[in-house]
Amino acid sequence: MTQVAEEIASTPSTTQTVERRLRITVLSGGPSSEREVSLKSGQAVAAALKSLGHEVCLADISPEDLSALGRPMDMVFIALHGAFGEDGQLQQILENRHIRYCGSGPEASALAMDKAMTKRRWMQVGVPTPLFEVVSPDNVEQVLAQWTPPAVVKPLCEGSSVDCVIVHEGQNLATPIRKEIEVYGRCMVERFVKGAELTVGVLGNEALPPIQIRPKREFYNYQAKYLDNDTEYLFNIDLPAPLLKEICDLSVRAHQSLGCRDFSRVDWIVEESTGRPFALEVNTIPGFTDHSLLPKAAQKAGLSFAQLCQRIVELTCQR
């Protein structure tokens, strides 16, 4: 029996109440570009934890309003995506206040939020990732002289594919790079890899079943993630079983190499021409909505949404 299977066997069903009733504050919303998704994630998590018998307070939070942290609680369930909630800032505040919380700590969160730092760490530990370069006002001319499309231009520290642009052969690479530098100060240009998009959730230190994503759009962008109803999520993946196992094993390595804990989700591209997998990024607070991938993978492994939330609570309380 695998670790995930053992955990499932010991996890209460959605119709049962937990033996230990906890006071849990679910934090959602926040100031980032992913605020609307975060609000939905928080609502779903709060409802699931309430169904299990926990005493739950759902609260919005921002750097300017930390009042939600003043109430008595046993732990915080973080459902904030993007800046402040996922980049280590909130985690450090919780550490300073000695409040128990789910997910990765401040250092791992900050590292995982920065795509360039993440990729450098992965290169050190043998997790394959596409070639890339960080672009700033100081080196933009040099980068434009060395890089040609196809390429991907993306912000360093945004999630949900916000402002991610694929620049195809024959298109102008300078325009999106300059635009993103104007908005973010820096950005990343990355080798475009054409192929199947996969994602692997990690729960504890075990990979959940991989999911292939087939959006109707050019790639799995914000609209395909959260708004479209025709994006396909496939567990019956037309790739060799040894390759899928390798991707799962590498996902756990990617998670651990960054110091992540409890849960995360690692996104992949399997190159069409070579069959080689390339890790793109890791999400330390992945979505918890009806479109979200970690809950879908957990359900495939036998964990209901409420059981997934309860398992995260248990992992948090074990520390």
Protein backbone atom coordinates (compact mmCIF):
# COMPACT_ATOMS: atom_id res chain seq x y z
CA MET A 1 0.00 0.00 0.00
CA THR A 2 1.36 3.42 -0.95
CA GLN A 3 1.67 6.27 1.52
CA VAL A 4 -1.21 8.12 -0.14
CA ALA A 5 -3.40 5.02 0.05
CA GLU A 6 -2.58 4.57 3.73
CA GLU A 7 -3.45 8.21 4.38
CA ILE A 8 -6.75 7.83 2.54
CA ALA A 9 -7.63 4.79 4.60
CA SER A 10 -7.18 6.74 7.84
CA THR A 11 -8.92 9.93 6.68
CA PRO A 12 -12.58 10.53 7.65
CA SER A 13 -15.20 10.68 4.93
CA THR A 14 -17.13 13.86 4.18
CA THR A 15 -20.09 12.54 6.16
CA GLN A 16 -18.05 11.97 9.32
CA THR A 17 -16.89 14.52 11.85
CA VAL A 18 -13.28 14.57 12.99
CA GLU A 19 -12.35 13.34 16.45
CA ARG A 20 -10.56 16.58 17.27
CA ARG A 21 -12.50 19.76 16.62
CA LEU A 22 -10.12 22.59 15.78
CA ARG A 23 -10.48 26.35 15.57
CA ILE A 24 -9.27 27.10 12.05
CA THR A 25 -8.94 30.49 10.41
CA VAL A 26 -9.08 30.23 6.62
CA LEU A 27 -7.33 33.18 4.98
CA SER A 28 -8.34 34.16 1.45
CA GLY A 29 -8.56 37.18 -0.83
CA GLY A 30 -5.44 39.26 -0.35
CA PRO A 31 -3.96 41.97 -2.55
CA SER A 32 -2.63 40.00 -5.51
CA SER A 33 -3.81 39.69 -9.12
CA GLU A 34 -5.23 36.27 -8.11
CA ARG A 35 -7.55 37.74 -5.47
CA GLU A 36 -10.82 36.56 -7.04
CA VAL A 37 -9.58 32.99 -7.33
CA SER A 38 -8.30 33.13 -3.77
CA LEU A 39 -11.71 34.20 -2.48
CA LYS A 40 -13.29 31.18 -4.18
CA SER A 41 -10.60 28.86 -2.80
CA GLY A 42 -11.16 30.16 0.71
CA GLN A 43 -14.92 29.69 0.49
CA ALA A 44 -14.52 26.10 -0.68
CA VAL A 45 -11.96 25.23 2.01
CA ALA A 46 -14.04 26.83 4.77
CA ALA A 47 -17.17 24.92 3.72
CA ALA A 48 -15.24 21.63 3.61
CA LEU A 49 -13.70 22.10 7.05
CA LYS A 50 -17.06 23.10 8.53
CA SER A 51 -18.60 19.92 7.09
CA LEU A 52 -16.08 17.94 9.12
CA GLY A 53 -17.03 19.65 12.36
CA HIS A 54 -14.26 22.20 12.73
CA GLU A 55 -14.93 25.71 14.02
CA VAL A 56 -14.02 27.83 11.00
CA CYS A 57 -13.55 31.54 10.49
CA LEU A 58 -13.19 32.69 6.87
CA ALA A 59 -11.33 35.98 6.66
CA ASP A 60 -9.92 38.32 4.05
CA ILE A 61 -6.46 39.63 4.83
CA SER A 62 -3.93 42.11 3.48
CA PRO A 63 -0.64 43.65 4.63
CA GLU A 64 -2.65 46.64 5.87
CA ASP A 65 -5.28 44.57 7.71
CA LEU A 66 -4.03 41.68 9.84
CA SER A 67 -6.99 41.75 12.23
CA ALA A 68 -7.96 38.19 11.28
CA LEU A 69 -4.86 36.95 13.09
CA GLY A 70 -6.06 38.36 16.40
CA ARG A 71 -8.76 35.80 17.12
CA PRO A 72 -8.05 32.60 19.12
CA MET A 73 -7.22 29.72 16.79
CA ASP A 74 -5.43 26.39 16.57
CA MET A 75 -4.12 26.97 13.05
CA VAL A 76 -4.39 28.99 9.86
CA PHE A 77 -5.32 27.42 6.54
CA ILE A 78 -3.77 29.67 3.86
CA ALA A 79 -5.83 29.92 0.68
CA LEU A 80 -4.14 33.03 -0.70
CA HIS A 81 -2.54 32.82 -4.12
CA GLY A 82 0.13 35.13 -5.46
CA ALA A 83 1.86 38.07 -3.81
CA PHE A 84 1.73 38.34 -0.01
CA GLY A 85 -0.05 35.01 0.53
CA GLU A 86 2.25 32.73 -1.43
CA ASP A 87 5.61 34.51 -1.50
CA GLY A 88 6.65 34.14 2.14
CA GLN A 89 5.42 37.48 3.50
CA LEU A 90 2.36 36.09 5.26
CA GLN A 91 4.28 33.00 6.32
CA GLN A 92 6.90 35.16 8.04
CA ILE A 93 4.21 37.15 9.84
CA LEU A 94 2.68 33.90 11.11
CA GLU A 95 6.10 32.64 12.20
CA ASN A 96 6.74 35.87 14.08
CA ARG A 97 3.39 35.51 15.86
CA HIS A 98 3.97 31.79 16.58
CA ILE A 99 0.78 30.84 14.74
CA ARG A 100 0.63 27.36 13.20
CA TYR A 101 -0.22 27.39 9.49
CA CYS A 102 -0.43 25.00 6.56
CA GLY A 103 1.99 24.79 3.67
CA SER A 104 5.54 25.86 3.04
CA GLY A 105 7.56 28.16 5.26
CA PRO A 106 8.80 31.68 4.44
CA GLU A 107 12.05 30.68 2.72
CA ALA A 108 10.55 27.92 0.57
CA SER A 109 7.57 30.11 -0.34
CA ALA A 110 9.80 32.98 -1.46
CA LEU A 111 12.04 30.64 -3.42
CA ALA A 112 9.14 28.89 -5.17
CA MET A 113 7.43 32.19 -6.01
CA ASP A 114 10.47 33.39 -7.97
CA LYS A 115 10.52 31.38 -11.19
CA ALA A 116 14.18 32.09 -11.94
CA MET A 117 15.37 31.11 -8.45
CA THR A 118 13.23 27.99 -8.64
CA LYS A 119 14.72 26.95 -11.98
CA ARG A 120 18.28 27.56 -10.77
CA ARG A 121 17.68 25.27 -7.79
CA TRP A 122 16.15 22.62 -10.02
CA MET A 123 19.15 22.71 -12.32
CA GLN A 124 21.34 22.00 -9.29
CA VAL A 125 19.38 18.88 -8.31
CA GLY A 126 18.71 17.44 -11.76
CA VAL A 127 15.11 18.51 -12.37
CA PRO A 128 14.95 19.36 -16.10
CA THR A 129 13.59 22.81 -16.94
CA PRO A 130 13.66 24.91 -20.12
CA LEU A 131 16.55 27.29 -20.71
CA PHE A 132 15.80 30.83 -19.59
CA GLU A 133 17.18 34.28 -18.91
CA VAL A 134 16.12 37.05 -16.57
CA VAL A 135 15.59 40.35 -18.40
CA SER A 136 15.96 43.78 -16.82
CA PRO A 137 16.46 47.32 -18.19
CA ASP A 138 20.22 46.75 -17.88
CA ASN A 139 20.42 43.74 -20.20
CA VAL A 140 17.35 44.00 -22.41
CA GLU A 141 19.29 44.92 -25.57
CA GLN A 142 21.72 42.03 -25.05
CA VAL A 143 18.86 39.57 -24.53
CA LEU A 144 17.04 40.76 -27.64
CA ALA A 145 20.26 40.28 -29.65
CA GLN A 146 20.67 36.69 -28.41
CA TRP A 147 17.10 35.35 -28.26
CA THR A 148 14.75 34.69 -31.16
CA PRO A 149 11.20 33.32 -31.16
CA PRO A 150 9.61 30.96 -30.40
CA ALA A 151 9.94 31.88 -26.75
CA VAL A 152 7.83 32.48 -23.68
CA VAL A 153 7.84 35.80 -21.83
CA LYS A 154 6.48 35.81 -18.30
CA PRO A 155 6.70 37.74 -15.02
CA LEU A 156 9.07 36.30 -12.44
CA CYS A 157 6.67 36.30 -9.51
CA GLU A 158 3.09 36.02 -10.80
CA GLY A 159 0.90 32.93 -10.73
CA SER A 160 -2.08 31.63 -12.74
CA SER A 161 -0.24 32.45 -16.01
CA VAL A 162 -0.94 36.15 -15.47
CA ASP A 163 0.77 38.13 -18.29
CA CYS A 164 2.40 34.99 -19.69
CA VAL A 165 2.89 35.40 -23.46
CA ILE A 166 4.00 32.91 -26.12
CA VAL A 167 5.93 34.70 -28.87
CA HIS A 168 5.84 32.63 -32.04
CA GLU A 169 8.38 32.44 -34.83
CA GLY A 170 8.26 35.60 -36.91
CA GLN A 171 6.69 37.67 -34.13
CA ASN A 172 8.33 40.57 -32.32
CA LEU A 173 9.98 39.51 -29.06
CA ALA A 174 10.85 43.05 -28.01
CA THR A 175 7.29 44.27 -27.48
CA PRO A 176 6.17 41.83 -24.75
CA ILE A 177 9.56 41.97 -23.02
CA ARG A 178 9.55 45.76 -22.85
CA LYS A 179 5.92 45.79 -21.73
CA GLU A 180 6.58 43.38 -18.87
CA ILE A 181 9.70 45.23 -17.78
CA GLU A 182 7.60 48.39 -17.68
CA VAL A 183 5.01 46.70 -15.48
CA TYR A 184 7.18 44.45 -13.30
CA GLY A 185 10.71 45.86 -13.53
CA ARG A 186 12.03 42.46 -14.62
CA CYS A 187 10.72 39.45 -16.50
CA MET A 188 11.87 36.09 -17.79
CA VAL A 189 12.31 34.84 -21.32
CA GLU A 190 12.19 31.06 -21.60
CA ARG A 191 12.66 28.55 -24.41
CA PHE A 192 9.29 27.59 -25.82
CA VAL A 193 8.62 23.85 -25.51
CA LYS A 194 5.79 22.47 -27.62
CA GLY A 195 4.09 19.46 -26.12
CA ALA A 196 1.60 18.01 -23.67
CA GLU A 197 0.88 20.03 -20.53
CA LEU A 198 0.88 17.98 -17.32
CA THR A 199 0.63 18.78 -13.65
CA VAL A 200 1.46 16.68 -10.60
CA GLY A 201 0.18 17.39 -7.11
CA VAL A 202 2.35 16.53 -4.14
CA LEU A 203 0.67 15.71 -0.83
CA GLY A 204 3.01 15.14 2.08
CA ASN A 205 5.95 13.73 0.19
CA GLU A 206 3.96 11.58 -2.21
CA ALA A 207 2.97 12.38 -5.79
CA LEU A 208 -0.72 12.30 -6.63
CA PRO A 209 -1.91 10.97 -10.02
CA PRO A 210 -0.66 13.17 -12.89
CA ILE A 211 -3.17 15.14 -14.94
CA GLN A 212 -2.86 16.08 -18.59
CA ILE A 213 -4.41 19.46 -19.38
CA ARG A 214 -5.94 20.13 -22.79
CA PRO A 215 -7.16 23.72 -23.03
CA LYS A 216 -9.10 24.96 -26.03
CA ARG A 217 -6.93 28.07 -25.97
CA GLU A 218 -3.32 28.37 -27.09
CA PHE A 219 -2.09 27.29 -23.68
CA TYR A 220 -3.39 26.85 -20.13
CA ASN A 221 -3.76 30.56 -19.36
CA TYR A 222 -5.85 32.34 -16.71
CA GLN A 223 -9.08 32.07 -18.72
CA ALA A 224 -8.59 28.36 -19.36
CA LYS A 225 -7.78 27.78 -15.68
CA TYR A 226 -10.69 29.58 -14.08
CA LEU A 227 -13.32 30.65 -16.59
CA ASP A 228 -13.56 28.08 -19.38
CA ASN A 229 -15.75 25.02 -19.01
CA ASP A 230 -14.31 23.16 -22.00
CA THR A 231 -10.74 22.63 -20.74
CA GLU A 232 -10.10 18.89 -20.56
CA TYR A 233 -8.40 17.24 -17.56
CA LEU A 234 -7.23 13.75 -18.41
CA PHE A 235 -5.96 10.95 -16.15
CA ASN A 236 -5.81 8.51 -19.05
CA ILE A 237 -2.60 10.00 -20.46
CA ASP A 238 -1.18 8.78 -23.76
CA LEU A 239 2.43 8.69 -22.56
CA PRO A 240 4.60 5.73 -21.51
CA ALA A 241 4.08 4.57 -17.94
CA PRO A 242 7.83 4.80 -17.11
CA LEU A 243 7.84 8.43 -18.26
CA LEU A 244 4.82 9.27 -16.08
CA LYS A 245 6.50 7.60 -13.11
CA GLU A 246 9.65 9.62 -13.80
CA ILE A 247 7.62 12.84 -13.86
CA CYS A 248 5.97 11.91 -10.55
CA ASP A 249 9.34 11.13 -8.96
CA LEU A 250 10.82 14.36 -10.30
CA SER A 251 7.85 16.29 -8.96
CA VAL A 252 8.58 15.08 -5.44
CA ARG A 253 12.24 16.00 -5.96
CA ALA A 254 11.23 19.43 -7.24
CA HIS A 255 8.99 19.94 -4.20
CA GLN A 256 11.61 18.81 -1.70
CA SER A 257 14.52 20.66 -3.33
CA LEU A 258 12.78 23.96 -2.66
CA GLY A 259 12.03 23.04 0.93
CA CYS A 260 8.28 22.83 0.32
CA ARG A 261 6.07 21.00 2.78
CA ASP A 262 2.53 19.61 3.14
CA PHE A 263 1.39 20.14 -0.46
CA SER A 264 2.25 21.76 -3.77
CA ARG A 265 1.63 21.34 -7.49
CA VAL A 266 4.36 21.07 -10.13
CA ASP A 267 3.60 21.99 -13.75
CA TRP A 268 5.26 20.21 -16.67
CA ILE A 269 5.60 20.18 -20.45
CA VAL A 270 6.51 16.95 -22.25
CA GLU A 271 8.29 17.96 -25.45
CA GLU A 272 6.49 16.61 -28.50
CA SER A 273 9.63 16.11 -30.61
CA THR A 274 11.81 14.40 -27.99
CA GLY A 275 9.49 13.01 -25.31
CA ARG A 276 11.55 14.81 -22.64
CA PRO A 277 9.76 16.32 -19.62
CA PHE A 278 10.49 19.89 -18.50
CA ALA A 279 9.35 21.38 -15.20
CA LEU A 280 7.94 24.90 -15.52
CA GLU A 281 7.06 26.04 -12.02
CA VAL A 282 5.75 24.96 -8.63
CA ASN A 283 2.67 26.31 -6.86
CA THR A 284 2.96 26.23 -3.07
CA ILE A 285 -0.66 27.35 -2.58
CA PRO A 286 -2.46 25.83 -5.57
CA GLY A 287 -6.10 26.53 -6.20
CA PHE A 288 -8.95 25.01 -4.22
CA THR A 289 -11.82 25.73 -6.61
CA ASP A 290 -14.02 23.49 -8.74
CA HIS A 291 -11.57 24.09 -11.61
CA SER A 292 -8.49 23.37 -9.50
CA LEU A 293 -6.07 20.57 -10.18
CA LEU A 294 -4.81 19.46 -6.76
CA PRO A 295 -8.36 18.55 -5.63
CA LYS A 296 -8.96 16.73 -8.93
CA ALA A 297 -5.79 14.66 -8.44
CA ALA A 298 -6.64 13.95 -4.81
CA GLN A 299 -10.11 12.78 -5.83
CA LYS A 300 -8.53 10.41 -8.36
CA ALA A 301 -6.40 9.01 -5.52
CA GLY A 302 -9.55 8.47 -3.44
CA LEU A 303 -9.61 11.65 -1.35
CA SER A 304 -12.73 13.80 -1.40
CA PHE A 305 -12.28 17.56 -1.25
CA ALA A 306 -13.03 17.58 2.48
CA GLN A 307 -10.63 14.70 3.06
CA LEU A 308 -7.90 16.59 1.19
CA CYS A 309 -8.41 19.63 3.40
CA GLN A 310 -8.43 17.43 6.51
CA ARG A 311 -5.21 15.72 5.42
CA ILE A 312 -3.56 19.14 5.06
CA VAL A 313 -4.80 20.03 8.54
CA GLU A 314 -3.28 16.80 9.90
CA LEU A 315 0.06 17.45 8.21
CA THR A 316 0.08 20.94 9.71
CA CYS A 317 -0.72 19.71 13.21
CA GLN A 318 2.04 17.08 13.06
CA ARG A 319 4.66 19.82 13.20
